[in-house]
Amino acid sequence: MRVRNNVVTEVEGDNTVWPRMKPFLDAIGDPNVYRLPAHFGVAGNANALLSPAHIEWERVRGGVVIGIGDNYNLSKYMGIKLPENLVTKAKFHWDCQMLNISMYLDYKLVVKEGERLV
């Protein structure tokens, strides 16, 4: 996933879902559907199941999930307090799930091939 100024500009690595999802998102006509992060998590549950039938896939060890688009409902209906400048109202919310990635924060390697280093 490539991000510029907190906006998703490109998604790589998925030749099945993304080519169908991108035209859908574009057709919504709301640039905030590409705004992030709505939520962000580095998973670590070795017992979580990678199953499309349940939200548990967001917790699979070695996974990272990034929520994109609307997070207004998180703050309003779920009681999660977000600073006003981080609330994004959008016509859609979607997640990008990545497995066994390496991730840098402030140029420091914090996840290597899905395992947290810090």
N, C-alpha and C. Protein backbone atom coordinates (compact mmCIF):
# COMPACT_ATOMS: atom_id res chain seq x y z
N MET A 1 0.85 -1.16 0.00
CA MET A 1 0.00 0.00 0.00
C MET A 1 0.90 1.23 0.00
N ARG A 2 0.64 2.11 -0.92
CA ARG A 2 1.39 3.37 -0.97
C ARG A 2 0.47 4.48 -0.48
N VAL A 3 1.04 5.31 0.40
CA VAL A 3 0.26 6.37 1.04
C VAL A 3 1.02 7.68 0.88
N ARG A 4 0.30 8.73 0.51
CA ARG A 4 0.88 10.06 0.43
C ARG A 4 -0.08 11.03 1.11
N ASN A 5 0.42 11.77 2.10
CA ASN A 5 -0.40 12.74 2.85
C ASN A 5 -1.66 12.10 3.43
N ASN A 6 -1.50 10.91 4.02
CA ASN A 6 -2.59 10.17 4.65
C ASN A 6 -3.69 9.74 3.69
N VAL A 7 -3.35 9.59 2.41
CA VAL A 7 -4.32 9.15 1.42
C VAL A 7 -3.70 7.97 0.64
N VAL A 8 -4.45 6.87 0.53
CA VAL A 8 -4.00 5.71 -0.23
C VAL A 8 -3.95 6.09 -1.71
N THR A 9 -2.79 5.88 -2.33
CA THR A 9 -2.65 6.21 -3.74
C THR A 9 -2.53 4.95 -4.60
N GLU A 10 -2.16 3.81 -3.99
CA GLU A 10 -1.96 2.59 -4.77
C GLU A 10 -1.95 1.39 -3.82
N VAL A 11 -2.43 0.26 -4.31
CA VAL A 11 -2.37 -0.99 -3.56
C VAL A 11 -1.74 -2.03 -4.47
N GLU A 12 -0.75 -2.75 -3.95
CA GLU A 12 -0.07 -3.78 -4.72
C GLU A 12 -0.22 -5.12 -4.03
N GLY A 13 0.01 -6.19 -4.76
CA GLY A 13 0.06 -7.51 -4.16
C GLY A 13 -1.25 -8.27 -4.21
N ASP A 14 -2.33 -7.64 -4.61
CA ASP A 14 -3.61 -8.32 -4.70
C ASP A 14 -4.14 -8.15 -6.11
N ASN A 15 -4.05 -9.21 -6.90
CA ASN A 15 -4.50 -9.15 -8.29
C ASN A 15 -5.95 -9.59 -8.46
N THR A 16 -6.61 -9.92 -7.35
CA THR A 16 -7.98 -10.40 -7.43
C THR A 16 -8.98 -9.35 -6.95
N VAL A 17 -8.82 -8.88 -5.72
CA VAL A 17 -9.81 -7.98 -5.12
C VAL A 17 -9.60 -6.53 -5.55
N TRP A 18 -8.37 -6.03 -5.49
CA TRP A 18 -8.12 -4.61 -5.74
C TRP A 18 -8.57 -4.13 -7.12
N PRO A 19 -8.32 -4.86 -8.20
CA PRO A 19 -8.79 -4.38 -9.51
C PRO A 19 -10.31 -4.22 -9.59
N ARG A 20 -11.06 -4.93 -8.76
CA ARG A 20 -12.52 -4.76 -8.72
C ARG A 20 -12.93 -3.71 -7.71
N MET A 21 -12.16 -3.57 -6.63
CA MET A 21 -12.53 -2.64 -5.57
C MET A 21 -12.23 -1.19 -5.95
N LYS A 22 -11.13 -0.96 -6.63
CA LYS A 22 -10.75 0.42 -6.99
C LYS A 22 -11.84 1.12 -7.81
N PRO A 23 -12.39 0.52 -8.87
CA PRO A 23 -13.48 1.19 -9.60
C PRO A 23 -14.71 1.42 -8.73
N PHE A 24 -14.99 0.49 -7.81
CA PHE A 24 -16.11 0.67 -6.88
C PHE A 24 -15.89 1.89 -6.01
N LEU A 25 -14.70 2.01 -5.42
CA LEU A 25 -14.39 3.15 -4.55
C LEU A 25 -14.41 4.46 -5.33
N ASP A 26 -13.86 4.45 -6.54
CA ASP A 26 -13.87 5.66 -7.36
C ASP A 26 -15.29 6.10 -7.68
N ALA A 27 -16.17 5.13 -7.92
CA ALA A 27 -17.56 5.44 -8.29
C ALA A 27 -18.33 6.08 -7.13
N ILE A 28 -17.89 5.87 -5.91
CA ILE A 28 -18.56 6.47 -4.76
C ILE A 28 -18.46 7.99 -4.83
N GLY A 29 -17.37 8.49 -5.40
CA GLY A 29 -17.23 9.93 -5.59
C GLY A 29 -16.88 10.70 -4.33
N ASP A 30 -16.27 10.04 -3.37
CA ASP A 30 -15.89 10.68 -2.11
C ASP A 30 -14.40 10.44 -1.88
N PRO A 31 -13.55 11.47 -1.99
CA PRO A 31 -12.11 11.26 -1.81
C PRO A 31 -11.74 10.74 -0.43
N ASN A 32 -12.61 10.94 0.56
CA ASN A 32 -12.30 10.46 1.91
C ASN A 32 -12.34 8.94 2.04
N VAL A 33 -12.84 8.21 1.04
CA VAL A 33 -12.80 6.75 1.11
C VAL A 33 -11.37 6.23 1.00
N TYR A 34 -10.43 7.10 0.62
CA TYR A 34 -9.02 6.73 0.54
C TYR A 34 -8.20 7.31 1.70
N ARG A 35 -8.85 7.96 2.64
CA ARG A 35 -8.16 8.63 3.75
C ARG A 35 -7.89 7.64 4.88
N LEU A 36 -6.75 7.77 5.51
CA LEU A 36 -6.41 6.89 6.61
C LEU A 36 -5.60 7.61 7.66
N PRO A 37 -5.39 7.02 8.83
CA PRO A 37 -5.94 5.73 9.22
C PRO A 37 -7.27 5.89 9.94
N ALA A 38 -8.21 5.03 9.64
CA ALA A 38 -9.43 4.95 10.44
C ALA A 38 -9.11 4.15 11.69
N HIS A 39 -8.34 3.08 11.50
CA HIS A 39 -7.79 2.31 12.62
C HIS A 39 -6.57 1.56 12.10
N PHE A 40 -5.74 1.12 13.03
CA PHE A 40 -4.48 0.47 12.66
C PHE A 40 -4.14 -0.54 13.75
N GLY A 41 -3.75 -1.74 13.37
CA GLY A 41 -3.39 -2.72 14.37
C GLY A 41 -2.34 -3.69 13.89
N VAL A 42 -1.41 -4.02 14.79
CA VAL A 42 -0.43 -5.06 14.54
C VAL A 42 -0.88 -6.24 15.39
N ALA A 43 -1.23 -7.33 14.73
CA ALA A 43 -1.82 -8.48 15.42
C ALA A 43 -0.75 -9.37 16.03
N GLY A 44 -1.14 -10.11 17.05
CA GLY A 44 -0.18 -10.99 17.70
C GLY A 44 -0.79 -12.23 18.32
N ASN A 45 -2.04 -12.53 18.00
CA ASN A 45 -2.72 -13.67 18.62
C ASN A 45 -2.41 -14.94 17.85
N ALA A 46 -1.59 -15.82 18.44
CA ALA A 46 -1.20 -17.06 17.79
C ALA A 46 -2.38 -18.02 17.64
N ASN A 47 -3.46 -17.81 18.40
CA ASN A 47 -4.62 -18.70 18.33
C ASN A 47 -5.74 -18.18 17.44
N ALA A 48 -5.60 -16.98 16.91
CA ALA A 48 -6.64 -16.42 16.04
C ALA A 48 -6.66 -17.17 14.71
N LEU A 49 -7.85 -17.29 14.15
CA LEU A 49 -8.02 -18.03 12.90
C LEU A 49 -8.13 -17.07 11.71
N LEU A 50 -7.48 -17.43 10.64
CA LEU A 50 -7.57 -16.67 9.41
C LEU A 50 -8.80 -17.16 8.66
N SER A 51 -9.93 -16.53 8.96
CA SER A 51 -11.21 -16.98 8.42
C SER A 51 -11.98 -15.78 7.89
N PRO A 52 -12.53 -15.89 6.68
CA PRO A 52 -13.31 -14.78 6.14
C PRO A 52 -14.67 -14.63 6.82
N ALA A 53 -15.04 -15.57 7.66
CA ALA A 53 -16.36 -15.58 8.27
C ALA A 53 -16.43 -14.77 9.56
N HIS A 54 -15.31 -14.27 10.05
CA HIS A 54 -15.32 -13.61 11.35
C HIS A 54 -14.26 -12.52 11.41
N ILE A 55 -14.48 -11.52 12.21
CA ILE A 55 -13.55 -10.40 12.38
C ILE A 55 -12.23 -10.83 13.02
N GLU A 56 -12.16 -12.07 13.47
CA GLU A 56 -10.97 -12.59 14.13
C GLU A 56 -9.73 -12.50 13.23
N TRP A 57 -9.91 -12.47 11.91
CA TRP A 57 -8.76 -12.42 11.01
C TRP A 57 -7.91 -11.18 11.23
N GLU A 58 -8.49 -10.13 11.83
CA GLU A 58 -7.71 -8.92 12.12
C GLU A 58 -6.70 -9.14 13.24
N ARG A 59 -6.80 -10.26 13.94
CA ARG A 59 -5.92 -10.52 15.08
C ARG A 59 -4.91 -11.64 14.85
N VAL A 60 -4.87 -12.19 13.63
CA VAL A 60 -3.98 -13.30 13.33
C VAL A 60 -2.53 -12.88 13.49
N ARG A 61 -1.78 -13.70 14.22
CA ARG A 61 -0.37 -13.39 14.44
C ARG A 61 0.35 -13.22 13.11
N GLY A 62 1.15 -12.17 13.02
CA GLY A 62 1.88 -11.86 11.81
C GLY A 62 1.12 -10.93 10.88
N GLY A 63 -0.08 -10.53 11.31
CA GLY A 63 -0.90 -9.67 10.46
C GLY A 63 -0.88 -8.21 10.88
N VAL A 64 -1.12 -7.36 9.92
CA VAL A 64 -1.30 -5.94 10.15
C VAL A 64 -2.58 -5.55 9.42
N VAL A 65 -3.45 -4.82 10.09
CA VAL A 65 -4.67 -4.35 9.45
C VAL A 65 -4.73 -2.83 9.53
N ILE A 66 -5.08 -2.22 8.40
CA ILE A 66 -5.23 -0.77 8.35
C ILE A 66 -6.64 -0.49 7.84
N GLY A 67 -7.41 0.24 8.64
CA GLY A 67 -8.74 0.65 8.24
C GLY A 67 -8.67 1.98 7.52
N ILE A 68 -9.41 2.08 6.42
CA ILE A 68 -9.36 3.26 5.57
C ILE A 68 -10.77 3.80 5.38
N GLY A 69 -10.89 5.10 5.29
CA GLY A 69 -12.19 5.72 5.05
C GLY A 69 -12.86 6.15 6.34
N ASP A 70 -14.15 5.92 6.43
CA ASP A 70 -14.95 6.42 7.54
C ASP A 70 -14.50 5.87 8.89
N ASN A 71 -14.26 6.75 9.85
CA ASN A 71 -14.06 6.33 11.23
C ASN A 71 -14.97 7.12 12.17
N TYR A 72 -15.89 7.89 11.60
CA TYR A 72 -16.83 8.68 12.38
C TYR A 72 -17.68 7.78 13.29
N ASN A 73 -18.09 6.62 12.76
CA ASN A 73 -18.91 5.71 13.56
C ASN A 73 -18.15 5.14 14.75
N LEU A 74 -16.83 4.95 14.60
CA LEU A 74 -16.04 4.50 15.75
C LEU A 74 -16.14 5.49 16.89
N SER A 75 -16.03 6.77 16.54
CA SER A 75 -16.03 7.79 17.59
C SER A 75 -17.43 8.07 18.12
N LYS A 76 -18.43 8.03 17.26
CA LYS A 76 -19.77 8.41 17.70
C LYS A 76 -20.52 7.25 18.36
N TYR A 77 -20.52 6.09 17.72
CA TYR A 77 -21.38 5.00 18.18
C TYR A 77 -20.67 3.95 19.03
N MET A 78 -19.36 3.86 18.94
CA MET A 78 -18.64 2.86 19.69
C MET A 78 -17.94 3.43 20.92
N GLY A 79 -18.06 4.72 21.12
CA GLY A 79 -17.51 5.32 22.32
C GLY A 79 -16.01 5.52 22.31
N ILE A 80 -15.37 5.36 21.17
CA ILE A 80 -13.93 5.57 21.06
C ILE A 80 -13.69 7.06 20.85
N LYS A 81 -12.95 7.67 21.74
CA LYS A 81 -12.70 9.12 21.66
C LYS A 81 -11.53 9.40 20.74
N LEU A 82 -11.81 10.08 19.65
CA LEU A 82 -10.77 10.49 18.71
C LEU A 82 -10.66 12.00 18.73
N PRO A 83 -9.45 12.54 18.62
CA PRO A 83 -9.32 13.98 18.46
C PRO A 83 -10.06 14.41 17.20
N GLU A 84 -10.72 15.55 17.26
CA GLU A 84 -11.56 16.01 16.15
C GLU A 84 -10.81 16.04 14.82
N ASN A 85 -9.52 16.38 14.85
CA ASN A 85 -8.76 16.45 13.59
C ASN A 85 -8.46 15.07 12.99
N LEU A 86 -8.75 14.00 13.73
CA LEU A 86 -8.53 12.65 13.21
C LEU A 86 -9.82 11.96 12.79
N VAL A 87 -10.95 12.62 12.97
CA VAL A 87 -12.23 12.03 12.58
C VAL A 87 -12.44 12.26 11.09
N THR A 88 -12.70 11.18 10.37
CA THR A 88 -12.97 11.26 8.93
C THR A 88 -14.36 10.75 8.66
N LYS A 89 -15.18 11.58 8.05
CA LYS A 89 -16.50 11.15 7.59
C LYS A 89 -16.35 10.78 6.12
N ALA A 90 -16.72 9.56 5.80
CA ALA A 90 -16.65 9.10 4.42
C ALA A 90 -17.86 8.23 4.14
N LYS A 91 -18.12 7.99 2.88
CA LYS A 91 -19.27 7.18 2.49
C LYS A 91 -18.99 5.69 2.52
N PHE A 92 -17.76 5.32 2.96
CA PHE A 92 -17.40 3.90 2.97
C PHE A 92 -16.22 3.69 3.91
N HIS A 93 -16.11 2.47 4.42
CA HIS A 93 -14.97 2.07 5.25
C HIS A 93 -14.49 0.72 4.71
N TRP A 94 -13.17 0.57 4.59
CA TRP A 94 -12.62 -0.71 4.16
C TRP A 94 -11.31 -0.97 4.88
N ASP A 95 -10.92 -2.24 4.92
CA ASP A 95 -9.70 -2.66 5.61
C ASP A 95 -8.72 -3.25 4.61
N CYS A 96 -7.45 -3.03 4.88
CA CYS A 96 -6.38 -3.68 4.13
C CYS A 96 -5.66 -4.58 5.11
N GLN A 97 -5.72 -5.88 4.89
CA GLN A 97 -5.07 -6.87 5.75
C GLN A 97 -3.81 -7.35 5.06
N MET A 98 -2.69 -7.29 5.77
CA MET A 98 -1.42 -7.75 5.23
C MET A 98 -0.82 -8.76 6.18
N LEU A 99 -0.24 -9.81 5.63
CA LEU A 99 0.36 -10.86 6.44
C LEU A 99 1.87 -10.91 6.22
N ASN A 100 2.59 -11.14 7.31
CA ASN A 100 4.04 -11.35 7.27
C ASN A 100 4.81 -10.23 6.59
N ILE A 101 4.43 -8.99 6.90
CA ILE A 101 5.11 -7.85 6.30
C ILE A 101 6.23 -7.35 7.22
N SER A 102 7.07 -6.51 6.67
CA SER A 102 8.04 -5.75 7.47
C SER A 102 7.58 -4.30 7.45
N MET A 103 7.67 -3.63 8.60
CA MET A 103 7.16 -2.27 8.72
C MET A 103 8.14 -1.41 9.49
N TYR A 104 8.31 -0.20 8.98
CA TYR A 104 9.16 0.79 9.63
C TYR A 104 8.30 1.93 10.14
N LEU A 105 8.61 2.42 11.32
CA LEU A 105 8.01 3.63 11.86
C LEU A 105 9.14 4.58 12.20
N ASP A 106 9.06 5.78 11.66
CA ASP A 106 10.12 6.76 11.84
C ASP A 106 11.48 6.15 11.52
N TYR A 107 11.55 5.42 10.41
CA TYR A 107 12.76 4.82 9.89
C TYR A 107 13.35 3.72 10.78
N LYS A 108 12.57 3.24 11.74
CA LYS A 108 13.03 2.16 12.62
C LYS A 108 12.21 0.91 12.33
N LEU A 109 12.88 -0.23 12.10
CA LEU A 109 12.20 -1.48 11.84
C LEU A 109 11.49 -1.95 13.11
N VAL A 110 10.15 -2.03 13.06
CA VAL A 110 9.38 -2.41 14.24
C VAL A 110 8.66 -3.75 14.06
N VAL A 111 8.46 -4.18 12.81
CA VAL A 111 7.88 -5.48 12.52
C VAL A 111 8.70 -6.08 11.38
N LYS A 112 9.20 -7.30 11.59
CA LYS A 112 10.00 -7.97 10.57
C LYS A 112 9.33 -9.28 10.21
N GLU A 113 8.89 -9.37 8.95
CA GLU A 113 8.22 -10.57 8.43
C GLU A 113 7.11 -11.04 9.36
N GLY A 114 6.33 -10.08 9.86
CA GLY A 114 5.17 -10.38 10.68
C GLY A 114 5.42 -10.49 12.17
N GLU A 115 6.66 -10.44 12.60
CA GLU A 115 6.98 -10.56 14.04
C GLU A 115 7.35 -9.19 14.59
N ARG A 116 6.68 -8.79 15.68
CA ARG A 116 7.00 -7.50 16.31
C ARG A 116 8.37 -7.54 16.95
N LEU A 117 9.12 -6.47 16.76
CA LEU A 117 10.45 -6.36 17.34
C LEU A 117 10.44 -5.48 18.59
N VAL A 118 9.43 -4.66 18.75
CA VAL A 118 9.33 -3.79 19.93
C VAL A 118 8.00 -4.02 20.63
